[in-house]
Amino acid sequence: MPTRIEIEQLSGLLDAGAQLVEVLPTGEYAEEHLPGAISIPLKQLDADTTRQLDQQRAVVVYCWDYL
């Protein structure tokens, strides 16, 4: 199960060098995304699309929902 973090924790992780990946569909990412976020739509998330990520740095994956 994914770990939910709050904005303060996210800020600390990003300050420490974590990479932020948004898994929103391309159109939604284009409309509005978090600053510095990398777009990898959830349906395309696999070993090939994540190859661009630095394996030495933490990764935070972001997606919103209505729950």
PDB file of N, CA and C in Angstrom:
ATOM      1  N   MET A   1       0.839  -1.174   0.000  1.00  0.00           N
ATOM      2  CA  MET A   1       0.000   0.000   0.000  1.00  0.00           C
ATOM      3  C   MET A   1       0.887   1.243   0.000  1.00  0.00           C
ATOM      4  N   PRO A   2       0.560   2.244  -0.812  1.00  0.00           N
ATOM      5  CA  PRO A   2       1.346   3.481  -0.860  1.00  0.00           C
ATOM      6  C   PRO A   2       1.291   4.220   0.476  1.00  0.00           C
ATOM      7  N   THR A   3       2.306   4.991   0.726  1.00  0.00           N
ATOM      8  CA  THR A   3       2.356   5.820   1.921  1.00  0.00           C
ATOM      9  C   THR A   3       1.890   7.216   1.575  1.00  0.00           C
ATOM     10  N   ARG A   4       0.940   7.721   2.311  1.00  0.00           N
ATOM     11  CA  ARG A   4       0.443   9.075   2.095  1.00  0.00           C
ATOM     12  C   ARG A   4       1.291  10.027   2.929  1.00  0.00           C
ATOM     13  N   ILE A   5       1.735  11.122   2.303  1.00  0.00           N
ATOM     14  CA  ILE A   5       2.506  12.121   3.028  1.00  0.00           C
ATOM     15  C   ILE A   5       1.831  13.484   2.884  1.00  0.00           C
ATOM     16  N   GLU A   6       2.095  14.344   3.814  1.00  0.00           N
ATOM     17  CA  GLU A   6       1.541  15.692   3.795  1.00  0.00           C
ATOM     18  C   GLU A   6       2.532  16.639   3.141  1.00  0.00           C
ATOM     19  N   ILE A   7       2.080  17.845   2.830  1.00  0.00           N
ATOM     20  CA  ILE A   7       2.883  18.813   2.084  1.00  0.00           C
ATOM     21  C   ILE A   7       4.204  19.132   2.789  1.00  0.00           C
ATOM     22  N   GLU A   8       4.204  19.192   4.110  1.00  0.00           N
ATOM     23  CA  GLU A   8       5.439  19.491   4.834  1.00  0.00           C
ATOM     24  C   GLU A   8       6.478  18.387   4.614  1.00  0.00           C
ATOM     25  N   GLN A   9       6.023  17.137   4.633  1.00  0.00           N
ATOM     26  CA  GLN A   9       6.923  16.012   4.387  1.00  0.00           C
ATOM     27  C   GLN A   9       7.427  16.035   2.949  1.00  0.00           C
ATOM     28  N   LEU A  10       6.529  16.346   2.007  1.00  0.00           N
ATOM     29  CA  LEU A  10       6.925  16.427   0.602  1.00  0.00           C
ATOM     30  C   LEU A  10       7.982  17.498   0.420  1.00  0.00           C
ATOM     31  N   SER A  11       7.765  18.636   1.014  1.00  0.00           N
ATOM     32  CA  SER A  11       8.720  19.732   0.904  1.00  0.00           C
ATOM     33  C   SER A  11      10.094  19.301   1.401  1.00  0.00           C
ATOM     34  N   GLY A  12      10.138  18.616   2.522  1.00  0.00           N
ATOM     35  CA  GLY A  12      11.403  18.133   3.071  1.00  0.00           C
ATOM     36  C   GLY A  12      12.082  17.129   2.155  1.00  0.00           C
ATOM     37  N   LEU A  13      11.301  16.208   1.584  1.00  0.00           N
ATOM     38  CA  LEU A  13      11.868  15.214   0.664  1.00  0.00           C
ATOM     39  C   LEU A  13      12.433  15.880  -0.587  1.00  0.00           C
ATOM     40  N   LEU A  14      11.692  16.855  -1.140  1.00  0.00           N
ATOM     41  CA  LEU A  14      12.162  17.551  -2.339  1.00  0.00           C
ATOM     42  C   LEU A  14      13.408  18.371  -2.036  1.00  0.00           C
ATOM     43  N   ASP A  15      13.437  19.009  -0.866  1.00  0.00           N
ATOM     44  CA  ASP A  15      14.629  19.763  -0.456  1.00  0.00           C
ATOM     45  C   ASP A  15      15.846  18.854  -0.329  1.00  0.00           C
ATOM     46  N   ALA A  16      15.595  17.593   0.030  1.00  0.00           N
ATOM     47  CA  ALA A  16      16.678  16.615   0.182  1.00  0.00           C
ATOM     48  C   ALA A  16      17.062  15.960  -1.144  1.00  0.00           C
ATOM     49  N   GLY A  17      16.383  16.350  -2.252  1.00  0.00           N
ATOM     50  CA  GLY A  17      16.761  15.842  -3.565  1.00  0.00           C
ATOM     51  C   GLY A  17      15.849  14.806  -4.173  1.00  0.00           C
ATOM     52  N   ALA A  18      14.706  14.542  -3.558  1.00  0.00           N
ATOM     53  CA  ALA A  18      13.772  13.558  -4.134  1.00  0.00           C
ATOM     54  C   ALA A  18      13.229  14.051  -5.468  1.00  0.00           C
ATOM     55  N   GLN A  19      12.873  13.107  -6.315  1.00  0.00           N
ATOM     56  CA  GLN A  19      12.274  13.388  -7.619  1.00  0.00           C
ATOM     57  C   GLN A  19      10.769  13.240  -7.487  1.00  0.00           C
ATOM     58  N   LEU A  20      10.030  14.183  -8.052  1.00  0.00           N
ATOM     59  CA  LEU A  20       8.576  14.149  -7.987  1.00  0.00           C
ATOM     60  C   LEU A  20       8.025  13.701  -9.330  1.00  0.00           C
ATOM     61  N   VAL A  21       7.281  12.608  -9.322  1.00  0.00           N
ATOM     62  CA  VAL A  21       6.677  12.069 -10.542  1.00  0.00           C
ATOM     63  C   VAL A  21       5.166  12.186 -10.421  1.00  0.00           C
ATOM     64  N   GLU A  22       4.545  12.867 -11.379  1.00  0.00           N
ATOM     65  CA  GLU A  22       3.084  12.946 -11.429  1.00  0.00           C
ATOM     66  C   GLU A  22       2.594  11.917 -12.428  1.00  0.00           C
ATOM     67  N   VAL A  23       1.636  11.108 -12.010  1.00  0.00           N
ATOM     68  CA  VAL A  23       1.119  10.044 -12.868  1.00  0.00           C
ATOM     69  C   VAL A  23      -0.239  10.403 -13.473  1.00  0.00           C
ATOM     70  N   LEU A  24      -0.552  11.688 -13.471  1.00  0.00           N
ATOM     71  CA  LEU A  24      -1.786  12.160 -14.097  1.00  0.00           C
ATOM     72  C   LEU A  24      -1.734  11.942 -15.606  1.00  0.00           C
ATOM     73  N   PRO A  25      -2.887  11.818 -16.262  1.00  0.00           N
ATOM     74  CA  PRO A  25      -2.894  11.755 -17.725  1.00  0.00           C
ATOM     75  C   PRO A  25      -2.227  13.003 -18.306  1.00  0.00           C
ATOM     76  N   THR A  26      -1.660  12.883 -19.480  1.00  0.00           N
ATOM     77  CA  THR A  26      -0.903  13.962 -20.107  1.00  0.00           C
ATOM     78  C   THR A  26      -1.667  15.277 -20.161  1.00  0.00           C
ATOM     79  N   GLY A  27      -2.933  15.235 -20.534  1.00  0.00           N
ATOM     80  CA  GLY A  27      -3.731  16.453 -20.631  1.00  0.00           C
ATOM     81  C   GLY A  27      -3.882  17.155 -19.293  1.00  0.00           C
ATOM     82  N   GLU A  28      -4.121  16.391 -18.239  1.00  0.00           N
ATOM     83  CA  GLU A  28      -4.259  16.977 -16.910  1.00  0.00           C
ATOM     84  C   GLU A  28      -2.929  17.547 -16.429  1.00  0.00           C
ATOM     85  N   TYR A  29      -1.836  16.855 -16.718  1.00  0.00           N
ATOM     86  CA  TYR A  29      -0.511  17.355 -16.345  1.00  0.00           C
ATOM     87  C   TYR A  29      -0.251  18.678 -17.050  1.00  0.00           C
ATOM     88  N   ALA A  30      -0.609  18.769 -18.330  1.00  0.00           N
ATOM     89  CA  ALA A  30      -0.380  19.999 -19.100  1.00  0.00           C
ATOM     90  C   ALA A  30      -1.187  21.165 -18.535  1.00  0.00           C
ATOM     91  N   GLU A  31      -2.390  20.889 -18.043  1.00  0.00           N
ATOM     92  CA  GLU A  31      -3.240  21.945 -17.492  1.00  0.00           C
ATOM     93  C   GLU A  31      -2.688  22.490 -16.185  1.00  0.00           C
ATOM     94  N   GLU A  32      -2.246  21.596 -15.325  1.00  0.00           N
ATOM     95  CA  GLU A  32      -1.755  22.028 -14.018  1.00  0.00           C
ATOM     96  C   GLU A  32      -0.953  20.899 -13.374  1.00  0.00           C
ATOM     97  N   HIS A  33       0.272  21.212 -13.008  1.00  0.00           N
ATOM     98  CA  HIS A  33       1.099  20.230 -12.315  1.00  0.00           C
ATOM     99  C   HIS A  33       1.959  20.928 -11.273  1.00  0.00           C
ATOM    100  N   LEU A  34       2.490  20.155 -10.372  1.00  0.00           N
ATOM    101  CA  LEU A  34       3.347  20.703  -9.339  1.00  0.00           C
ATOM    102  C   LEU A  34       4.680  21.132  -9.948  1.00  0.00           C
ATOM    103  N   PRO A  35       5.240  22.248  -9.468  1.00  0.00           N
ATOM    104  CA  PRO A  35       6.525  22.726 -10.013  1.00  0.00           C
ATOM    105  C   PRO A  35       7.620  21.664  -9.916  1.00  0.00           C
ATOM    106  N   GLY A  36       8.327  21.472 -11.007  1.00  0.00           N
ATOM    107  CA  GLY A  36       9.442  20.530 -11.041  1.00  0.00           C
ATOM    108  C   GLY A  36       9.061  19.074 -11.211  1.00  0.00           C
ATOM    109  N   ALA A  37       7.766  18.799 -11.315  1.00  0.00           N
ATOM    110  CA  ALA A  37       7.313  17.417 -11.438  1.00  0.00           C
ATOM    111  C   ALA A  37       7.637  16.848 -12.818  1.00  0.00           C
ATOM    112  N   ILE A  38       7.923  15.569 -12.834  1.00  0.00           N
ATOM    113  CA  ILE A  38       8.161  14.819 -14.064  1.00  0.00           C
ATOM    114  C   ILE A  38       6.856  14.112 -14.406  1.00  0.00           C
ATOM    115  N   SER A  39       6.441  14.168 -15.655  1.00  0.00           N
ATOM    116  CA  SER A  39       5.199  13.517 -16.066  1.00  0.00           C
ATOM    117  C   SER A  39       5.470  12.112 -16.593  1.00  0.00           C
ATOM    118  N   ILE A  40       4.878  11.135 -15.916  1.00  0.00           N
ATOM    119  CA  ILE A  40       4.844   9.755 -16.412  1.00  0.00           C
ATOM    120  C   ILE A  40       3.429   9.255 -16.126  1.00  0.00           C
ATOM    121  N   PRO A  41       2.529   9.344 -17.121  1.00  0.00           N
ATOM    122  CA  PRO A  41       1.152   8.907 -16.891  1.00  0.00           C
ATOM    123  C   PRO A  41       1.081   7.474 -16.358  1.00  0.00           C
ATOM    124  N   LEU A  42       0.167   7.243 -15.444  1.00  0.00           N
ATOM    125  CA  LEU A  42       0.057   5.952 -14.768  1.00  0.00           C
ATOM    126  C   LEU A  42      -0.011   4.784 -15.738  1.00  0.00           C
ATOM    127  N   LYS A  43      -0.761   4.927 -16.822  1.00  0.00           N
ATOM    128  CA  LYS A  43      -0.900   3.835 -17.787  1.00  0.00           C
ATOM    129  C   LYS A  43       0.400   3.569 -18.555  1.00  0.00           C
ATOM    130  N   GLN A  44       1.376   4.482 -18.445  1.00  0.00           N
ATOM    131  CA  GLN A  44       2.658   4.313 -19.125  1.00  0.00           C
ATOM    132  C   GLN A  44       3.799   4.024 -18.140  1.00  0.00           C
ATOM    133  N   LEU A  45       3.483   3.931 -16.867  1.00  0.00           N
ATOM    134  CA  LEU A  45       4.489   3.741 -15.834  1.00  0.00           C
ATOM    135  C   LEU A  45       5.039   2.316 -15.896  1.00  0.00           C
ATOM    136  N   ASP A  46       6.284   2.197 -16.329  1.00  0.00           N
ATOM    137  CA  ASP A  46       6.940   0.894 -16.405  1.00  0.00           C
ATOM    138  C   ASP A  46       8.454   1.096 -16.370  1.00  0.00           C
ATOM    139  N   ALA A  47       9.191   0.042 -16.550  1.00  0.00           N
ATOM    140  CA  ALA A  47      10.655   0.116 -16.477  1.00  0.00           C
ATOM    141  C   ALA A  47      11.235   1.050 -17.530  1.00  0.00           C
ATOM    142  N   ASP A  48      10.647   1.082 -18.709  1.00  0.00           N
ATOM    143  CA  ASP A  48      11.165   1.957 -19.769  1.00  0.00           C
ATOM    144  C   ASP A  48      10.942   3.430 -19.455  1.00  0.00           C
ATOM    145  N   THR A  49       9.732   3.786 -19.006  1.00  0.00           N
ATOM    146  CA  THR A  49       9.434   5.201 -18.768  1.00  0.00           C
ATOM    147  C   THR A  49      10.103   5.730 -17.502  1.00  0.00           C
ATOM    148  N   THR A  50      10.460   4.858 -16.590  1.00  0.00           N
ATOM    149  CA  THR A  50      11.137   5.312 -15.369  1.00  0.00           C
ATOM    150  C   THR A  50      12.656   5.297 -15.502  1.00  0.00           C
ATOM    151  N   ARG A  51      13.142   4.878 -16.635  1.00  0.00           N
ATOM    152  CA  ARG A  51      14.591   4.836 -16.856  1.00  0.00           C
ATOM    153  C   ARG A  51      15.228   6.225 -16.743  1.00  0.00           C
ATOM    154  N   GLN A  52      14.430   7.271 -17.005  1.00  0.00           N
ATOM    155  CA  GLN A  52      14.935   8.643 -16.930  1.00  0.00           C
ATOM    156  C   GLN A  52      15.207   9.095 -15.494  1.00  0.00           C
ATOM    157  N   LEU A  53      14.681   8.374 -14.518  1.00  0.00           N
ATOM    158  CA  LEU A  53      14.844   8.761 -13.123  1.00  0.00           C
ATOM    159  C   LEU A  53      16.228   8.375 -12.603  1.00  0.00           C
ATOM    160  N   ASP A  54      16.745   9.187 -11.707  1.00  0.00           N
ATOM    161  CA  ASP A  54      18.039   8.930 -11.074  1.00  0.00           C
ATOM    162  C   ASP A  54      17.836   7.876  -9.991  1.00  0.00           C
ATOM    163  N   GLN A  55      18.420   6.710 -10.164  1.00  0.00           N
ATOM    164  CA  GLN A  55      18.221   5.612  -9.226  1.00  0.00           C
ATOM    165  C   GLN A  55      18.891   5.860  -7.875  1.00  0.00           C
ATOM    166  N   GLN A  56      19.708   6.874  -7.784  1.00  0.00           N
ATOM    167  CA  GLN A  56      20.380   7.198  -6.529  1.00  0.00           C
ATOM    168  C   GLN A  56      19.559   8.169  -5.663  1.00  0.00           C
ATOM    169  N   ARG A  57      18.456   8.671  -6.206  1.00  0.00           N
ATOM    170  CA  ARG A  57      17.620   9.636  -5.486  1.00  0.00           C
ATOM    171  C   ARG A  57      16.235   9.058  -5.215  1.00  0.00           C
ATOM    172  N   ALA A  58      15.657   9.472  -4.105  1.00  0.00           N
ATOM    173  CA  ALA A  58      14.301   9.034  -3.753  1.00  0.00           C
ATOM    174  C   ALA A  58      13.304   9.518  -4.803  1.00  0.00           C
ATOM    175  N   VAL A  59      12.206   8.788  -4.926  1.00  0.00           N
ATOM    176  CA  VAL A  59      11.149   9.135  -5.871  1.00  0.00           C
ATOM    177  C   VAL A  59       9.833   9.249  -5.100  1.00  0.00           C
ATOM    178  N   VAL A  60       9.133  10.352  -5.325  1.00  0.00           N
ATOM    179  CA  VAL A  60       7.798  10.537  -4.776  1.00  0.00           C
ATOM    180  C   VAL A  60       6.840  10.535  -5.954  1.00  0.00           C
ATOM    181  N   VAL A  61       5.849   9.642  -5.915  1.00  0.00           N
ATOM    182  CA  VAL A  61       4.864   9.555  -6.980  1.00  0.00           C
ATOM    183  C   VAL A  61       3.591  10.235  -6.505  1.00  0.00           C
ATOM    184  N   TYR A  62       3.076  11.149  -7.335  1.00  0.00           N
ATOM    185  CA  TYR A  62       1.925  11.949  -6.957  1.00  0.00           C
ATOM    186  C   TYR A  62       0.746  11.673  -7.879  1.00  0.00           C
ATOM    187  N   CYS A  63      -0.411  11.482  -7.253  1.00  0.00           N
ATOM    188  CA  CYS A  63      -1.663  11.364  -7.971  1.00  0.00           C
ATOM    189  C   CYS A  63      -2.759  11.803  -7.015  1.00  0.00           C
ATOM    190  N   TRP A  64      -3.716  12.523  -7.514  1.00  0.00           N
ATOM    191  CA  TRP A  64      -4.820  12.948  -6.653  1.00  0.00           C
ATOM    192  C   TRP A  64      -6.024  12.088  -6.936  1.00  0.00           C
ATOM    193  N   ASP A  65      -6.915  12.043  -5.959  1.00  0.00           N
ATOM    194  CA  ASP A  65      -8.183  11.348  -6.155  1.00  0.00           C
ATOM    195  C   ASP A  65      -9.265  12.088  -5.377  1.00  0.00           C
ATOM    196  N   TYR A  66     -10.475  11.665  -5.543  1.00  0.00           N
ATOM    197  CA  TYR A  66     -11.607  12.320  -4.903  1.00  0.00           C
ATOM    198  C   TYR A  66     -12.005  11.673  -3.580  1.00  0.00           C
ATOM    199  N   LEU A  67     -11.291  10.681  -3.118  1.00  0.00           N
ATOM    200  CA  LEU A  67     -11.684   9.977  -1.882  1.00  0.00           C
ATOM    201  C   LEU A  67     -11.420  10.794  -0.652  1.00  0.00           C
TER     202      LEU A  67
END
